[in-house]
Amino acid sequence: MSEEKISNTNYSIIYVPLLNEGTDVMRPVKAEAINLDVYRLLVDPEDDSENEDWLFPPGSIVHCEPEHRSGECILIAKKLVK
């Protein structure tokens, strides 16, 4: 899967779970909407994906589900789309 770099400001923020953190941790990630609840994780040089163990790496296409956290609704990457 090729990694797509961020080329404009037309993106959403979704949350990707991190692995091996000892507790539930999620990273906010810029992503391009493909269709309803499906997003492509964009490559952002400011992300720390090389030093963190993301459940889905940059460039992945993922299915997201909304969750309510701290009084707001956020999209969380739940599974890889093939």
PDB file of N, CA and C in Angstrom:
ATOM      1  N   MET A   1       0.851  -1.168   0.000  1.00  0.00           N
ATOM      2  CA  MET A   1       0.000   0.000   0.000  1.00  0.00           C
ATOM      3  C   MET A   1       0.899   1.234   0.000  1.00  0.00           C
ATOM      4  N   SER A   2       0.643   2.130  -0.883  1.00  0.00           N
ATOM      5  CA  SER A   2       1.495   3.316  -0.945  1.00  0.00           C
ATOM      6  C   SER A   2       1.061   4.337   0.094  1.00  0.00           C
ATOM      7  N   GLU A   3       2.043   5.053   0.587  1.00  0.00           N
ATOM      8  CA  GLU A   3       1.749   6.097   1.558  1.00  0.00           C
ATOM      9  C   GLU A   3       1.435   7.380   0.810  1.00  0.00           C
ATOM     10  N   GLU A   4       0.374   8.052   1.210  1.00  0.00           N
ATOM     11  CA  GLU A   4       0.003   9.299   0.563  1.00  0.00           C
ATOM     12  C   GLU A   4       0.326  10.452   1.495  1.00  0.00           C
ATOM     13  N   LYS A   5       1.070  11.403   0.986  1.00  0.00           N
ATOM     14  CA  LYS A   5       1.452  12.564   1.788  1.00  0.00           C
ATOM     15  C   LYS A   5       0.327  13.595   1.800  1.00  0.00           C
ATOM     16  N   ILE A   6       0.315  14.398   2.829  1.00  0.00           N
ATOM     17  CA  ILE A   6      -0.686  15.450   2.954  1.00  0.00           C
ATOM     18  C   ILE A   6      -0.344  16.557   1.979  1.00  0.00           C
ATOM     19  N   SER A   7      -1.276  16.846   1.077  1.00  0.00           N
ATOM     20  CA  SER A   7      -0.988  17.849   0.053  1.00  0.00           C
ATOM     21  C   SER A   7      -1.877  19.078   0.179  1.00  0.00           C
ATOM     22  N   ASN A   8      -2.929  18.994   0.972  1.00  0.00           N
ATOM     23  CA  ASN A   8      -3.804  20.152   1.160  1.00  0.00           C
ATOM     24  C   ASN A   8      -4.457  20.071   2.533  1.00  0.00           C
ATOM     25  N   THR A   9      -5.390  20.931   2.776  1.00  0.00           N
ATOM     26  CA  THR A   9      -6.022  20.960   4.097  1.00  0.00           C
ATOM     27  C   THR A   9      -7.340  20.203   4.121  1.00  0.00           C
ATOM     28  N   ASN A  10      -7.634  19.412   3.099  1.00  0.00           N
ATOM     29  CA  ASN A  10      -8.881  18.660   3.033  1.00  0.00           C
ATOM     30  C   ASN A  10      -8.703  17.291   3.702  1.00  0.00           C
ATOM     31  N   TYR A  11      -8.713  17.285   5.036  1.00  0.00           N
ATOM     32  CA  TYR A  11      -8.541  16.046   5.771  1.00  0.00           C
ATOM     33  C   TYR A  11      -9.370  16.101   7.050  1.00  0.00           C
ATOM     34  N   SER A  12      -9.527  14.941   7.662  1.00  0.00           N
ATOM     35  CA  SER A  12     -10.207  14.817   8.947  1.00  0.00           C
ATOM     36  C   SER A  12      -9.197  14.293   9.957  1.00  0.00           C
ATOM     37  N   ILE A  13      -9.517  14.421  11.212  1.00  0.00           N
ATOM     38  CA  ILE A  13      -8.706  13.826  12.272  1.00  0.00           C
ATOM     39  C   ILE A  13      -9.432  12.589  12.772  1.00  0.00           C
ATOM     40  N   ILE A  14      -8.726  11.458  12.726  1.00  0.00           N
ATOM     41  CA  ILE A  14      -9.250  10.237  13.328  1.00  0.00           C
ATOM     42  C   ILE A  14      -8.219   9.777  14.356  1.00  0.00           C
ATOM     43  N   TYR A  15      -8.592   8.831  15.181  1.00  0.00           N
ATOM     44  CA  TYR A  15      -7.706   8.369  16.252  1.00  0.00           C
ATOM     45  C   TYR A  15      -7.301   6.920  16.005  1.00  0.00           C
ATOM     46  N   VAL A  16      -5.986   6.673  16.050  1.00  0.00           N
ATOM     47  CA  VAL A  16      -5.427   5.341  15.827  1.00  0.00           C
ATOM     48  C   VAL A  16      -4.893   4.813  17.153  1.00  0.00           C
ATOM     49  N   PRO A  17      -5.338   3.620  17.572  1.00  0.00           N
ATOM     50  CA  PRO A  17      -4.808   3.040  18.807  1.00  0.00           C
ATOM     51  C   PRO A  17      -3.314   2.749  18.681  1.00  0.00           C
ATOM     52  N   LEU A  18      -2.604   2.952  19.793  1.00  0.00           N
ATOM     53  CA  LEU A  18      -1.187   2.618  19.872  1.00  0.00           C
ATOM     54  C   LEU A  18      -1.049   1.300  20.623  1.00  0.00           C
ATOM     55  N   LEU A  19      -0.065   0.526  20.218  1.00  0.00           N
ATOM     56  CA  LEU A  19       0.201  -0.768  20.855  1.00  0.00           C
ATOM     57  C   LEU A  19       1.373  -0.638  21.817  1.00  0.00           C
ATOM     58  N   ASN A  20       1.447  -1.550  22.759  1.00  0.00           N
ATOM     59  CA  ASN A  20       2.590  -1.674  23.681  1.00  0.00           C
ATOM     60  C   ASN A  20       2.829  -0.419  24.524  1.00  0.00           C
ATOM     61  N   GLU A  21       1.751   0.232  24.927  1.00  0.00           N
ATOM     62  CA  GLU A  21       1.873   1.446  25.744  1.00  0.00           C
ATOM     63  C   GLU A  21       1.579   1.184  27.220  1.00  0.00           C
ATOM     64  N   GLY A  22       1.061   0.007  27.555  1.00  0.00           N
ATOM     65  CA  GLY A  22       0.750  -0.300  28.944  1.00  0.00           C
ATOM     66  C   GLY A  22      -0.630   0.160  29.372  1.00  0.00           C
ATOM     67  N   THR A  23      -1.259   0.999  28.577  1.00  0.00           N
ATOM     68  CA  THR A  23      -2.621   1.478  28.817  1.00  0.00           C
ATOM     69  C   THR A  23      -3.209   1.846  27.461  1.00  0.00           C
ATOM     70  N   ASP A  24      -4.518   2.073  27.406  1.00  0.00           N
ATOM     71  CA  ASP A  24      -5.142   2.452  26.137  1.00  0.00           C
ATOM     72  C   ASP A  24      -4.733   3.870  25.763  1.00  0.00           C
ATOM     73  N   VAL A  25      -4.053   3.996  24.629  1.00  0.00           N
ATOM     74  CA  VAL A  25      -3.593   5.291  24.136  1.00  0.00           C
ATOM     75  C   VAL A  25      -3.950   5.375  22.654  1.00  0.00           C
ATOM     76  N   MET A  26      -4.380   6.557  22.218  1.00  0.00           N
ATOM     77  CA  MET A  26      -4.684   6.762  20.813  1.00  0.00           C
ATOM     78  C   MET A  26      -3.981   8.004  20.306  1.00  0.00           C
ATOM     79  N   ARG A  27      -3.561   7.959  19.060  1.00  0.00           N
ATOM     80  CA  ARG A  27      -2.867   9.063  18.398  1.00  0.00           C
ATOM     81  C   ARG A  27      -3.829   9.740  17.421  1.00  0.00           C
ATOM     82  N   PRO A  28      -4.013  11.066  17.517  1.00  0.00           N
ATOM     83  CA  PRO A  28      -4.795  11.763  16.486  1.00  0.00           C
ATOM     84  C   PRO A  28      -3.990  11.791  15.188  1.00  0.00           C
ATOM     85  N   VAL A  29      -4.626  11.423  14.090  1.00  0.00           N
ATOM     86  CA  VAL A  29      -3.956  11.289  12.799  1.00  0.00           C
ATOM     87  C   VAL A  29      -4.793  11.968  11.719  1.00  0.00           C
ATOM     88  N   LYS A  30      -4.133  12.644  10.796  1.00  0.00           N
ATOM     89  CA  LYS A  30      -4.821  13.227   9.653  1.00  0.00           C
ATOM     90  C   LYS A  30      -5.171  12.115   8.674  1.00  0.00           C
ATOM     91  N   ALA A  31      -6.406  12.176   8.147  1.00  0.00           N
ATOM     92  CA  ALA A  31      -6.866  11.113   7.254  1.00  0.00           C
ATOM     93  C   ALA A  31      -7.800  11.683   6.191  1.00  0.00           C
ATOM     94  N   GLU A  32      -7.780  11.039   5.036  1.00  0.00           N
ATOM     95  CA  GLU A  32      -8.626  11.426   3.908  1.00  0.00           C
ATOM     96  C   GLU A  32      -9.851  10.515   3.885  1.00  0.00           C
ATOM     97  N   ALA A  33     -11.044  11.098   3.799  1.00  0.00           N
ATOM     98  CA  ALA A  33     -12.268  10.307   3.722  1.00  0.00           C
ATOM     99  C   ALA A  33     -12.350   9.625   2.360  1.00  0.00           C
ATOM    100  N   ILE A  34     -12.590   8.326   2.375  1.00  0.00           N
ATOM    101  CA  ILE A  34     -12.782   7.545   1.153  1.00  0.00           C
ATOM    102  C   ILE A  34     -14.280   7.416   0.891  1.00  0.00           C
ATOM    103  N   ASN A  35     -15.020   7.018   1.894  1.00  0.00           N
ATOM    104  CA  ASN A  35     -16.480   7.011   1.886  1.00  0.00           C
ATOM    105  C   ASN A  35     -16.941   6.969   3.338  1.00  0.00           C
ATOM    106  N   LEU A  36     -18.199   6.747   3.562  1.00  0.00           N
ATOM    107  CA  LEU A  36     -18.752   6.787   4.911  1.00  0.00           C
ATOM    108  C   LEU A  36     -17.989   5.855   5.848  1.00  0.00           C
ATOM    109  N   ASP A  37     -17.341   6.416   6.847  1.00  0.00           N
ATOM    110  CA  ASP A  37     -16.613   5.684   7.890  1.00  0.00           C
ATOM    111  C   ASP A  37     -15.354   4.968   7.399  1.00  0.00           C
ATOM    112  N   VAL A  38     -14.883   5.246   6.189  1.00  0.00           N
ATOM    113  CA  VAL A  38     -13.644   4.646   5.680  1.00  0.00           C
ATOM    114  C   VAL A  38     -12.675   5.777   5.336  1.00  0.00           C
ATOM    115  N   TYR A  39     -11.448   5.666   5.867  1.00  0.00           N
ATOM    116  CA  TYR A  39     -10.453   6.733   5.726  1.00  0.00           C
ATOM    117  C   TYR A  39      -9.095   6.159   5.367  1.00  0.00           C
ATOM    118  N   ARG A  40      -8.282   6.955   4.668  1.00  0.00           N
ATOM    119  CA  ARG A  40      -6.879   6.618   4.400  1.00  0.00           C
ATOM    120  C   ARG A  40      -6.019   7.458   5.342  1.00  0.00           C
ATOM    121  N   LEU A  41      -5.170   6.800   6.117  1.00  0.00           N
ATOM    122  CA  LEU A  41      -4.270   7.511   7.021  1.00  0.00           C
ATOM    123  C   LEU A  41      -3.199   8.208   6.197  1.00  0.00           C
ATOM    124  N   LEU A  42      -3.055   9.499   6.385  1.00  0.00           N
ATOM    125  CA  LEU A  42      -2.093  10.284   5.615  1.00  0.00           C
ATOM    126  C   LEU A  42      -0.741  10.341   6.315  1.00  0.00           C
ATOM    127  N   VAL A  43       0.296  10.515   5.536  1.00  0.00           N
ATOM    128  CA  VAL A  43       1.649  10.638   6.065  1.00  0.00           C
ATOM    129  C   VAL A  43       1.881  12.092   6.442  1.00  0.00           C
ATOM    130  N   ASP A  44       2.211  12.321   7.688  1.00  0.00           N
ATOM    131  CA  ASP A  44       2.478  13.667   8.184  1.00  0.00           C
ATOM    132  C   ASP A  44       3.854  13.638   8.848  1.00  0.00           C
ATOM    133  N   PRO A  45       4.804  14.444   8.352  1.00  0.00           N
ATOM    134  CA  PRO A  45       6.151  14.426   8.938  1.00  0.00           C
ATOM    135  C   PRO A  45       6.166  14.745  10.428  1.00  0.00           C
ATOM    136  N   GLU A  46       5.110  15.364  10.934  1.00  0.00           N
ATOM    137  CA  GLU A  46       5.053  15.700  12.359  1.00  0.00           C
ATOM    138  C   GLU A  46       4.605  14.523  13.213  1.00  0.00           C
ATOM    139  N   ASP A  47       4.028  13.473  12.601  1.00  0.00           N
ATOM    140  CA  ASP A  47       3.628  12.285  13.357  1.00  0.00           C
ATOM    141  C   ASP A  47       4.859  11.528  13.810  1.00  0.00           C
ATOM    142  N   ASP A  48       4.703  10.771  14.873  1.00  0.00           N
ATOM    143  CA  ASP A  48       5.824  10.013  15.430  1.00  0.00           C
ATOM    144  C   ASP A  48       5.639   8.522  15.169  1.00  0.00           C
ATOM    145  N   SER A  49       5.153   8.173  13.959  1.00  0.00           N
ATOM    146  CA  SER A  49       4.831   6.775  13.670  1.00  0.00           C
ATOM    147  C   SER A  49       6.051   5.859  13.680  1.00  0.00           C
ATOM    148  N   GLU A  50       7.242   6.399  13.472  1.00  0.00           N
ATOM    149  CA  GLU A  50       8.442   5.556  13.502  1.00  0.00           C
ATOM    150  C   GLU A  50       8.848   5.188  14.922  1.00  0.00           C
ATOM    151  N   ASN A  51       8.446   5.998  15.912  1.00  0.00           N
ATOM    152  CA  ASN A  51       8.801   5.734  17.304  1.00  0.00           C
ATOM    153  C   ASN A  51       7.638   5.194  18.120  1.00  0.00           C
ATOM    154  N   GLU A  52       6.486   5.059  17.487  1.00  0.00           N
ATOM    155  CA  GLU A  52       5.304   4.519  18.149  1.00  0.00           C
ATOM    156  C   GLU A  52       4.836   3.299  17.370  1.00  0.00           C
ATOM    157  N   ASP A  53       4.190   2.384  18.067  1.00  0.00           N
ATOM    158  CA  ASP A  53       3.675   1.175  17.438  1.00  0.00           C
ATOM    159  C   ASP A  53       2.181   1.367  17.173  1.00  0.00           C
ATOM    160  N   TRP A  54       1.864   1.906  15.966  1.00  0.00           N
ATOM    161  CA  TRP A  54       0.477   2.172  15.592  1.00  0.00           C
ATOM    162  C   TRP A  54      -0.208   0.857  15.221  1.00  0.00           C
ATOM    163  N   LEU A  55      -1.487   0.731  15.575  1.00  0.00           N
ATOM    164  CA  LEU A  55      -2.259  -0.442  15.176  1.00  0.00           C
ATOM    165  C   LEU A  55      -2.340  -0.524  13.651  1.00  0.00           C
ATOM    166  N   PHE A  56      -2.464   0.630  12.980  1.00  0.00           N
ATOM    167  CA  PHE A  56      -2.496   0.703  11.519  1.00  0.00           C
ATOM    168  C   PHE A  56      -1.473   1.747  11.078  1.00  0.00           C
ATOM    169  N   PRO A  57      -0.538   1.405  10.185  1.00  0.00           N
ATOM    170  CA  PRO A  57       0.506   2.353   9.780  1.00  0.00           C
ATOM    171  C   PRO A  57      -0.008   3.412   8.812  1.00  0.00           C
ATOM    172  N   PRO A  58       0.715   4.523   8.672  1.00  0.00           N
ATOM    173  CA  PRO A  58       0.354   5.547   7.689  1.00  0.00           C
ATOM    174  C   PRO A  58       0.180   4.912   6.306  1.00  0.00           C
ATOM    175  N   GLY A  59      -0.810   5.382   5.568  1.00  0.00           N
ATOM    176  CA  GLY A  59      -1.123   4.840   4.249  1.00  0.00           C
ATOM    177  C   GLY A  59      -2.211   3.785   4.284  1.00  0.00           C
ATOM    178  N   SER A  60      -2.516   3.250   5.475  1.00  0.00           N
ATOM    179  CA  SER A  60      -3.561   2.232   5.597  1.00  0.00           C
ATOM    180  C   SER A  60      -4.936   2.827   5.329  1.00  0.00           C
ATOM    181  N   ILE A  61      -5.819   1.984   4.824  1.00  0.00           N
ATOM    182  CA  ILE A  61      -7.227   2.362   4.691  1.00  0.00           C
ATOM    183  C   ILE A  61      -7.966   1.622   5.791  1.00  0.00           C
ATOM    184  N   VAL A  62      -8.694   2.384   6.621  1.00  0.00           N
ATOM    185  CA  VAL A  62      -9.307   1.817   7.819  1.00  0.00           C
ATOM    186  C   VAL A  62     -10.785   2.168   7.917  1.00  0.00           C
ATOM    187  N   HIS A  63     -11.509   1.294   8.574  1.00  0.00           N
ATOM    188  CA  HIS A  63     -12.915   1.552   8.909  1.00  0.00           C
ATOM    189  C   HIS A  63     -12.929   2.178  10.298  1.00  0.00           C
ATOM    190  N   CYS A  64     -13.670   3.263  10.454  1.00  0.00           N
ATOM    191  CA  CYS A  64     -13.742   3.972  11.731  1.00  0.00           C
ATOM    192  C   CYS A  64     -15.133   3.869  12.326  1.00  0.00           C
ATOM    193  N   GLU A  65     -15.192   3.940  13.635  1.00  0.00           N
ATOM    194  CA  GLU A  65     -16.457   3.974  14.353  1.00  0.00           C
ATOM    195  C   GLU A  65     -16.452   5.175  15.281  1.00  0.00           C
ATOM    196  N   PRO A  66     -17.585   5.877  15.371  1.00  0.00           N
ATOM    197  CA  PRO A  66     -17.657   7.022  16.276  1.00  0.00           C
ATOM    198  C   PRO A  66     -17.758   6.566  17.733  1.00  0.00           C
ATOM    199  N   GLU A  67     -17.098   7.295  18.615  1.00  0.00           N
ATOM    200  CA  GLU A  67     -17.198   7.065  20.060  1.00  0.00           C
ATOM    201  C   GLU A  67     -17.275   8.409  20.752  1.00  0.00           C
ATOM    202  N   HIS A  68     -18.018   8.434  21.839  1.00  0.00           N
ATOM    203  CA  HIS A  68     -18.124   9.667  22.628  1.00  0.00           C
ATOM    204  C   HIS A  68     -17.082   9.618  23.739  1.00  0.00           C
ATOM    205  N   ARG A  69     -16.219  10.631  23.743  1.00  0.00           N
ATOM    206  CA  ARG A  69     -15.159  10.731  24.758  1.00  0.00           C
ATOM    207  C   ARG A  69     -15.024  12.179  25.182  1.00  0.00           C
ATOM    208  N   SER A  70     -14.997  12.392  26.462  1.00  0.00           N
ATOM    209  CA  SER A  70     -14.827  13.734  27.035  1.00  0.00           C
ATOM    210  C   SER A  70     -15.813  14.735  26.433  1.00  0.00           C
ATOM    211  N   GLY A  71     -17.037  14.301  26.228  1.00  0.00           N
ATOM    212  CA  GLY A  71     -18.083  15.199  25.754  1.00  0.00           C
ATOM    213  C   GLY A  71     -18.090  15.479  24.266  1.00  0.00           C
ATOM    214  N   GLU A  72     -17.250  14.788  23.494  1.00  0.00           N
ATOM    215  CA  GLU A  72     -17.260  14.987  22.044  1.00  0.00           C
ATOM    216  C   GLU A  72     -17.257  13.639  21.337  1.00  0.00           C
ATOM    217  N   CYS A  73     -17.718  13.658  20.093  1.00  0.00           N
ATOM    218  CA  CYS A  73     -17.748  12.447  19.285  1.00  0.00           C
ATOM    219  C   CYS A  73     -16.486  12.425  18.419  1.00  0.00           C
ATOM    220  N   ILE A  74     -15.699  11.344  18.517  1.00  0.00           N
ATOM    221  CA  ILE A  74     -14.484  11.210  17.718  1.00  0.00           C
ATOM    222  C   ILE A  74     -14.561   9.926  16.905  1.00  0.00           C
ATOM    223  N   LEU A  75     -13.798   9.860  15.819  1.00  0.00           N
ATOM    224  CA  LEU A  75     -13.726   8.654  14.994  1.00  0.00           C
ATOM    225  C   LEU A  75     -12.482   7.876  15.374  1.00  0.00           C
ATOM    226  N   ILE A  76     -12.669   6.569  15.636  1.00  0.00           N
ATOM    227  CA  ILE A  76     -11.563   5.708  16.027  1.00  0.00           C
ATOM    228  C   ILE A  76     -11.373   4.635  14.970  1.00  0.00           C
ATOM    229  N   ALA A  77     -10.147   4.460  14.501  1.00  0.00           N
ATOM    230  CA  ALA A  77      -9.819   3.422  13.524  1.00  0.00           C
ATOM    231  C   ALA A  77      -9.980   2.074  14.199  1.00  0.00           C
ATOM    232  N   LYS A  78     -10.842   1.233  13.642  1.00  0.00           N
ATOM    233  CA  LYS A  78     -11.145  -0.057  14.260  1.00  0.00           C
ATOM    234  C   LYS A  78     -10.626  -1.258  13.499  1.00  0.00           C
ATOM    235  N   LYS A  79     -10.651  -1.192  12.146  1.00  0.00           N
ATOM    236  CA  LYS A  79     -10.164  -2.343  11.388  1.00  0.00           C
ATOM    237  C   LYS A  79      -9.661  -1.922  10.022  1.00  0.00           C
ATOM    238  N   LEU A  80      -8.747  -2.719   9.507  1.00  0.00           N
ATOM    239  CA  LEU A  80      -8.152  -2.492   8.206  1.00  0.00           C
ATOM    240  C   LEU A  80      -9.149  -2.873   7.122  1.00  0.00           C
ATOM    241  N   VAL A  81      -9.249  -2.059   6.084  1.00  0.00           N
ATOM    242  CA  VAL A  81     -10.101  -2.349   4.938  1.00  0.00           C
ATOM    243  C   VAL A  81      -9.214  -2.942   3.858  1.00  0.00           C
ATOM    244  N   LYS A  82      -9.618  -4.070   3.320  1.00  0.00           N
ATOM    245  CA  LYS A  82      -8.796  -4.728   2.299  1.00  0.00           C
ATOM    246  C   LYS A  82      -9.180  -4.293   0.924  1.00  0.00           C
TER     247      LYS A  82
END
